[in-house]
Protein backbone atom coordinates (compact mmCIF):
# COMPACT_ATOMS: atom_id res chain seq x y z
CA MET A 1 -141.38 -155.17 -128.95
CA TRP A 2 -138.15 -153.19 -128.72
CA ARG A 3 -134.83 -154.84 -129.47
CA GLN A 4 -132.20 -153.70 -126.99
CA ARG A 5 -128.75 -152.68 -128.17
CA GLN A 6 -125.57 -151.60 -126.42
CA PRO A 7 -125.13 -147.80 -126.64
CA GLU A 8 -121.72 -148.03 -128.31
CA LYS A 9 -123.18 -150.18 -131.09
CA ALA A 10 -125.62 -147.37 -131.83
CA GLY A 11 -122.98 -144.64 -131.94
CA PHE A 12 -123.16 -143.54 -128.30
CA ALA A 13 -120.49 -143.42 -125.65
CA PRO A 14 -120.65 -146.62 -123.58
CA ASP A 15 -121.29 -144.62 -120.39
CA LEU A 16 -124.60 -143.20 -121.64
CA ALA A 17 -126.53 -144.53 -118.63
CA ASP A 18 -123.87 -143.25 -116.23
CA ARG A 19 -124.19 -139.77 -117.73
CA LEU A 20 -127.91 -139.80 -117.07
CA ASP A 21 -127.37 -141.04 -113.52
CA ALA A 22 -124.90 -138.19 -112.94
CA LEU A 23 -127.41 -135.65 -114.25
CA ILE A 24 -129.98 -136.94 -111.78
CA GLN A 25 -127.56 -137.09 -108.84
CA GLU A 26 -126.50 -133.51 -109.52
CA GLY A 27 -130.13 -132.40 -109.24
CA ARG A 28 -130.30 -131.19 -112.84
CA ALA A 29 -133.30 -133.34 -113.81
CA PRO A 30 -135.90 -132.68 -111.09
CA GLY A 31 -139.13 -134.61 -111.33
CA LEU A 32 -137.79 -137.08 -113.90
CA HIS A 33 -139.99 -140.16 -114.11
CA GLY A 34 -138.88 -141.97 -117.24
CA VAL A 35 -136.51 -141.85 -120.21
CA VAL A 36 -136.41 -144.02 -123.31
CA VAL A 37 -133.77 -143.47 -126.00
CA ALA A 38 -133.88 -145.34 -129.30
CA ARG A 39 -131.60 -145.14 -132.30
CA HIS A 40 -131.89 -146.95 -135.63
CA GLY A 41 -135.00 -148.60 -134.22
CA ASP A 42 -133.21 -150.15 -131.23
CA LEU A 43 -133.58 -149.34 -127.54
CA VAL A 44 -130.26 -148.04 -126.18
CA LEU A 45 -131.24 -146.46 -122.85
CA GLU A 46 -134.13 -146.89 -120.45
CA HIS A 47 -134.49 -145.26 -117.05
CA TYR A 48 -137.33 -145.12 -114.52
CA GLY A 49 -137.58 -143.26 -111.24
CA SER A 50 -140.13 -142.59 -108.52
CA GLY A 51 -142.17 -139.55 -107.69
CA ALA A 52 -145.52 -137.99 -107.03
CA ASP A 53 -147.83 -138.28 -109.99
CA TYR A 54 -151.34 -137.38 -111.12
CA ILE A 55 -154.04 -138.24 -113.58
CA TRP A 56 -154.90 -134.70 -114.58
CA SER A 57 -155.49 -133.12 -111.16
CA THR A 58 -156.21 -136.39 -109.30
CA PRO A 59 -153.19 -137.33 -107.15
CA LEU A 60 -151.83 -140.87 -107.41
CA GLY A 61 -149.39 -140.51 -104.54
CA THR A 62 -145.81 -141.64 -105.01
CA VAL A 63 -145.42 -143.97 -107.97
CA ASP A 64 -142.52 -146.32 -108.68
CA PHE A 65 -142.34 -146.19 -112.45
CA GLY A 66 -141.39 -149.08 -114.71
CA PRO A 67 -141.55 -150.13 -118.37
CA ASP A 68 -145.29 -150.83 -118.23
CA THR A 69 -146.43 -147.98 -115.99
CA PRO A 70 -148.83 -145.62 -117.80
CA HIS A 71 -148.12 -141.92 -117.49
CA ASP A 72 -150.08 -138.82 -118.40
CA VAL A 73 -148.51 -137.44 -121.56
CA ARG A 74 -150.79 -134.40 -121.36
CA SER A 75 -150.53 -132.28 -124.52
CA VAL A 76 -148.39 -134.84 -126.31
CA THR A 77 -151.92 -136.20 -126.84
CA LYS A 78 -152.50 -133.43 -129.39
CA SER A 79 -149.63 -134.63 -131.55
CA VAL A 80 -150.90 -138.23 -131.44
CA VAL A 81 -154.36 -137.02 -132.42
CA GLY A 82 -152.77 -135.24 -135.37
CA LEU A 83 -151.28 -138.56 -136.52
CA LEU A 84 -154.65 -140.25 -136.12
CA TYR A 85 -156.21 -137.63 -138.34
CA GLY A 86 -153.78 -138.51 -141.12
CA ILE A 87 -154.61 -142.20 -140.83
CA ALA A 88 -158.33 -141.45 -141.03
CA LEU A 89 -157.77 -139.06 -143.95
CA ALA A 90 -156.00 -141.77 -145.95
CA ASP A 91 -159.21 -143.79 -145.73
CA ASP A 92 -161.37 -140.79 -146.72
CA LEU A 93 -163.05 -140.81 -143.32
CA VAL A 94 -162.37 -137.17 -142.42
CA PRO A 95 -162.36 -133.94 -144.41
CA GLU A 96 -159.34 -132.55 -146.18
CA PRO A 97 -157.50 -129.81 -144.25
CA GLY A 98 -158.81 -127.09 -146.55
CA GLU A 99 -162.48 -127.83 -145.90
CA PRO A 100 -164.62 -125.50 -143.77
CA ILE A 101 -164.82 -127.00 -140.33
CA LEU A 102 -168.37 -125.90 -139.51
CA ARG A 103 -169.63 -127.88 -142.49
CA HIS A 104 -168.90 -130.94 -140.36
CA PHE A 105 -170.68 -129.60 -137.27
CA PRO A 106 -174.11 -129.03 -138.86
CA GLU A 107 -175.84 -128.81 -135.49
CA TYR A 108 -174.53 -125.23 -135.17
CA PRO A 109 -176.26 -123.34 -138.02
CA ASP A 110 -176.15 -120.14 -135.97
CA LEU A 111 -172.34 -120.28 -135.85
CA ALA A 112 -172.05 -121.19 -139.53
CA ALA A 113 -174.17 -118.13 -140.36
CA ASP A 114 -171.40 -115.91 -139.00
CA PRO A 115 -169.20 -115.19 -142.04
CA ARG A 116 -166.13 -114.85 -139.82
CA ARG A 117 -166.61 -118.36 -138.40
CA ALA A 118 -167.64 -119.82 -141.75
CA ARG A 119 -164.05 -119.17 -142.90
CA LEU A 120 -162.60 -121.56 -140.33
CA THR A 121 -161.02 -124.64 -141.89
CA VAL A 122 -159.73 -127.93 -140.55
CA GLU A 123 -156.21 -126.68 -141.20
CA HIS A 124 -156.79 -123.72 -138.93
CA ALA A 125 -157.44 -126.20 -136.13
CA LEU A 126 -154.44 -128.37 -137.07
CA THR A 127 -152.17 -125.32 -136.93
CA MET A 128 -153.88 -123.58 -133.99
CA THR A 129 -154.61 -120.49 -136.06
CA LEU A 130 -158.38 -120.34 -135.52
CA GLY A 131 -158.37 -116.70 -134.50
CA LEU A 132 -160.75 -117.46 -131.62
CA GLN A 133 -160.29 -116.28 -128.05
CA TRP A 134 -158.68 -118.99 -125.93
CA ASP A 135 -156.88 -118.68 -122.61
CA GLU A 136 -154.97 -121.49 -120.90
CA SER A 137 -152.91 -119.18 -118.69
CA LYS A 138 -154.94 -120.01 -115.59
CA PRO A 139 -154.09 -123.18 -113.59
CA TYR A 140 -155.26 -126.43 -115.13
CA THR A 141 -157.31 -126.99 -111.99
CA SER A 142 -159.51 -123.96 -112.67
CA PRO A 143 -162.60 -123.71 -114.91
CA GLU A 144 -161.26 -120.25 -115.83
CA ASN A 145 -158.69 -122.13 -117.89
CA ASP A 146 -160.47 -122.62 -121.21
CA GLU A 147 -159.31 -126.22 -121.60
CA ILE A 148 -160.81 -127.11 -118.24
CA GLY A 149 -163.93 -125.10 -119.05
CA MET A 150 -164.25 -127.10 -122.26
CA GLU A 151 -163.93 -130.41 -120.38
CA LEU A 152 -166.68 -129.31 -117.98
CA ALA A 153 -168.98 -128.05 -120.73
CA ALA A 154 -172.13 -129.87 -121.80
CA ASP A 155 -171.05 -129.46 -125.44
CA ARG A 156 -167.30 -129.20 -125.90
CA TYR A 157 -167.47 -128.41 -129.62
CA ARG A 158 -169.89 -125.51 -129.24
CA PHE A 159 -167.75 -124.27 -126.36
CA VAL A 160 -164.79 -124.02 -128.73
CA LEU A 161 -166.52 -122.80 -131.87
CA GLU A 162 -168.52 -120.03 -130.18
CA ARG A 163 -165.46 -118.39 -128.57
CA PRO A 164 -165.23 -114.70 -129.51
CA VAL A 165 -163.47 -114.02 -132.80
CA THR A 166 -160.29 -112.06 -132.11
CA GLU A 167 -158.68 -111.96 -135.58
CA ASP A 168 -158.84 -113.46 -139.03
CA PRO A 169 -158.06 -117.18 -139.08
CA GLY A 170 -154.66 -118.26 -140.31
CA ARG A 171 -152.87 -115.09 -139.23
CA ARG A 172 -150.98 -116.33 -136.19
CA TRP A 173 -150.57 -119.28 -133.84
CA HIS A 174 -152.38 -119.19 -130.52
CA TYR A 175 -152.17 -122.19 -128.20
CA SER A 176 -155.53 -123.91 -127.97
CA GLY A 177 -156.59 -127.26 -126.56
CA GLY A 178 -159.90 -126.50 -128.22
CA ALA A 179 -158.28 -126.82 -131.64
CA ALA A 180 -157.20 -130.38 -130.82
CA ALA A 181 -160.68 -131.16 -129.48
CA LEU A 182 -162.18 -130.21 -132.84
CA ILE A 183 -159.76 -132.54 -134.63
CA GLY A 184 -160.66 -135.33 -132.23
CA GLY A 185 -164.33 -134.67 -132.85
CA LEU A 186 -163.88 -134.86 -136.62
CA ILE A 187 -162.13 -138.22 -136.23
CA ALA A 188 -164.91 -139.60 -134.04
CA ARG A 189 -167.62 -138.37 -136.39
CA GLY A 190 -165.86 -139.50 -139.54
CA THR A 191 -164.99 -142.96 -138.30
CA GLY A 192 -168.24 -143.47 -136.42
CA ARG A 193 -166.25 -144.58 -133.38
CA PRO A 194 -165.01 -142.99 -130.16
CA LEU A 195 -161.55 -141.50 -130.59
CA GLU A 196 -159.93 -143.99 -128.25
CA ASP A 197 -161.41 -146.96 -130.13
CA PHE A 198 -160.12 -145.70 -133.45
CA ALA A 199 -156.72 -145.04 -131.89
CA ARG A 200 -156.58 -148.59 -130.58
CA THR A 201 -157.19 -150.33 -133.90
CA ALA A 202 -155.68 -147.79 -136.31
CA LEU A 203 -152.44 -146.92 -134.49
CA PHE A 204 -151.76 -148.61 -131.17
CA GLU A 205 -152.44 -152.24 -131.99
CA PRO A 206 -150.63 -152.12 -135.36
CA LEU A 207 -147.58 -150.79 -133.48
CA GLY A 208 -147.81 -153.47 -130.79
CA ILE A 209 -149.06 -151.06 -128.12
CA GLY A 210 -151.42 -153.22 -126.12
CA SER A 211 -152.17 -150.99 -123.16
CA PHE A 212 -153.15 -147.34 -122.90
CA GLU A 213 -155.63 -145.15 -121.07
CA TRP A 214 -157.49 -142.05 -122.21
CA THR A 215 -159.02 -139.69 -119.67
CA ALA A 216 -162.42 -138.26 -120.60
CA GLY A 217 -164.23 -135.06 -119.74
CA ASP A 218 -167.55 -134.78 -117.92
CA ASP A 219 -169.34 -135.62 -121.19
CA GLY A 220 -167.56 -138.97 -121.45
CA VAL A 221 -165.61 -137.89 -124.53
CA ALA A 222 -161.90 -138.72 -124.59
CA ALA A 223 -159.89 -135.53 -124.12
CA ALA A 224 -158.10 -134.98 -127.43
CA ALA A 225 -156.12 -132.12 -125.92
CA SER A 226 -154.46 -133.87 -123.00
CA GLY A 227 -156.06 -137.15 -121.89
CA LEU A 228 -153.77 -139.85 -123.22
CA ARG A 229 -151.78 -142.07 -120.84
CA LEU A 230 -148.94 -144.19 -122.22
CA ALA A 231 -145.84 -145.94 -120.95
CA PRO A 232 -142.65 -144.18 -122.14
CA ARG A 233 -141.69 -147.20 -124.25
CA ASP A 234 -144.95 -146.90 -126.12
CA LEU A 235 -144.51 -143.18 -126.52
CA ALA A 236 -141.12 -143.90 -128.10
CA THR A 237 -142.75 -146.54 -130.31
CA ILE A 238 -145.03 -143.87 -131.77
CA GLY A 239 -142.03 -141.63 -132.36
CA GLN A 240 -140.18 -144.40 -134.16
CA ALA A 241 -143.24 -145.04 -136.32
CA VAL A 242 -143.19 -141.40 -137.39
CA LEU A 243 -139.52 -141.66 -138.37
CA ASP A 244 -140.08 -144.94 -140.19
CA ARG A 245 -143.32 -143.81 -141.85
CA ARG A 246 -144.88 -146.98 -140.47
CA VAL A 247 -148.67 -147.20 -140.02
CA ILE A 248 -148.93 -143.40 -140.43
CA PRO A 249 -149.08 -142.44 -144.13
CA ALA A 250 -145.77 -141.02 -145.33
CA GLY A 251 -147.43 -138.09 -147.06
CA TRP A 252 -149.21 -137.12 -143.86
CA VAL A 253 -145.97 -137.28 -141.88
CA GLU A 254 -144.40 -134.90 -144.40
CA SER A 255 -147.37 -132.53 -144.12
CA THR A 256 -147.41 -132.76 -140.33
CA LEU A 257 -143.73 -131.96 -139.85
CA ARG A 258 -143.60 -129.14 -142.40
CA PRO A 259 -143.07 -125.74 -140.74
CA ARG A 260 -146.29 -123.81 -141.28
CA VAL A 261 -146.63 -121.12 -138.62
CA PRO A 262 -143.64 -119.27 -137.09
CA LEU A 263 -143.41 -119.40 -133.31
CA TRP A 264 -140.18 -118.30 -131.61
CA ASN A 265 -136.46 -118.64 -132.25
CA ASP A 266 -136.17 -121.35 -134.92
CA ARG A 267 -139.38 -123.10 -133.95
CA SER A 268 -142.49 -123.35 -136.07
CA TYR A 269 -145.75 -125.24 -135.81
CA GLY A 270 -146.77 -127.97 -138.21
CA TYR A 271 -149.92 -130.02 -137.76
CA LEU A 272 -150.12 -130.26 -133.95
CA TRP A 273 -146.32 -130.75 -133.71
CA TYR A 274 -143.51 -128.30 -132.97
CA VAL A 275 -140.91 -128.40 -135.73
CA THR A 276 -137.61 -126.79 -136.75
CA PRO A 277 -136.11 -126.07 -140.18
CA ASP A 278 -133.60 -128.93 -139.82
CA GLY A 279 -136.40 -131.47 -139.54
CA ARG A 280 -136.51 -131.99 -135.78
CA ALA A 281 -139.95 -132.39 -134.25
CA THR A 282 -141.23 -132.32 -130.70
CA ALA A 283 -144.48 -133.29 -129.03
CA THR A 284 -144.81 -131.41 -125.75
CA GLY A 285 -146.92 -131.89 -122.64
CA ASN A 286 -147.42 -130.17 -119.30
CA GLY A 287 -145.09 -131.39 -116.57
CA GLY A 288 -142.11 -132.14 -118.80
CA GLN A 289 -143.60 -134.75 -121.12
CA ARG A 290 -141.62 -134.78 -124.34
CA LEU A 291 -141.23 -136.85 -127.47
CA PHE A 292 -138.17 -135.66 -129.38
CA LEU A 293 -137.69 -136.81 -132.98
CA LEU A 294 -134.34 -136.16 -134.66
CA PRO A 295 -134.67 -137.69 -138.14
CA GLY A 296 -131.15 -136.75 -139.25
CA LEU A 297 -129.76 -138.87 -136.42
CA ASP A 298 -132.49 -141.54 -136.60
CA LEU A 299 -133.02 -140.78 -132.92
CA VAL A 300 -136.09 -140.88 -130.68
CA VAL A 301 -136.09 -139.66 -127.07
CA ALA A 302 -139.18 -139.99 -124.86
CA VAL A 303 -139.26 -138.28 -121.47
CA THR A 304 -141.92 -138.32 -118.75
CA ALA A 305 -141.77 -136.11 -115.68
CA GLY A 306 -143.88 -134.75 -112.84
CA ASN A 307 -143.24 -131.01 -112.97
CA TYR A 308 -146.87 -130.19 -113.70
CA ASN A 309 -147.69 -126.48 -113.92
CA GLY A 310 -144.07 -125.64 -113.04
CA SER A 311 -142.39 -122.42 -114.11
CA ASP A 312 -139.74 -124.19 -116.26
CA GLN A 313 -141.21 -127.46 -117.41
CA ASP A 314 -138.74 -127.66 -120.27
CA ALA A 315 -135.66 -127.81 -118.02
CA THR A 316 -135.68 -131.52 -117.22
CA PRO A 317 -136.37 -132.92 -120.71
CA ARG A 318 -134.00 -130.37 -122.24
CA ALA A 319 -131.24 -131.46 -119.86
CA VAL A 320 -131.80 -135.11 -120.75
CA LEU A 321 -131.55 -134.38 -124.47
CA GLU A 322 -128.91 -131.65 -124.58
CA ASP A 323 -126.70 -132.53 -121.59
CA VAL A 324 -126.79 -136.32 -121.83
CA VAL A 325 -128.06 -137.84 -125.05
CA LEU A 326 -126.60 -135.56 -127.72
CA PRO A 327 -123.15 -135.13 -126.12
CA ALA A 328 -122.86 -138.89 -125.69
CA LEU A 329 -123.76 -139.35 -129.33
CA SER A 330 -121.23 -136.84 -130.58
CA SER A 331 -118.47 -138.49 -128.60
């Protein structure tokens, strides 16, 4: 349960909420559904709007959002799955990152016999450096998008692991929902439980998150790439747990948020999180879903939005963070 605090007592300008309202009224945060800002472990700003929403591609109509309304967090799911892997690893339930990944999918001896695939490790999946062909440039309503193709496949793990080899693993980052699916599969196999069940008892319930949903593919397996649905408050709770090293092992948090693969500008990729050299971390999802962690400021900002498949999905969450939250903090 969040403790609420006045913005000025957390180092913000007292008009923090008014600044967000102005941003919305000026049309600079289109599609904004929810915002939760927490500092020093206290809730200092909460906003909910209305708008058209979806569960994946299934329309929900116009939704009036509130503190308990679940929302697709799309690929933020990947970052949560990365945290779950660390929890399972601490209990020796899943392989170390350096282990060959096909060793833990023994039903594919034909793929393991390929020396190029035999080199794939768990870490290559955690860092999206598998070196396998993967294309998510098509709409997320089309089976030509590899994530959707994977969700429609009879065997999602073979679908990923048999993709054509395009380069040596570990060389460069290439966005892949399939990489997250492999991590989810390792968790399910190692714990002997469906991913969503392990998430409930290992992460959500210990953090006081009592309600969540997890969309599954045609095979009934929870989509580790994009299926999680959480209320923004609960998304912020996970972010605060990362900052506080609570429930998630501290050593895994350090490993997760360490820059490992260069991306663009000052961004790098850690273990299923986007990170910067100054310690900031972001979990990102289609439509404008964001979980911003700023450890140096002890600040968590969760944003949900409905700009799915838009050309500039970063605009709304970036405006919330850079045009409202940070300026109010500096003043």
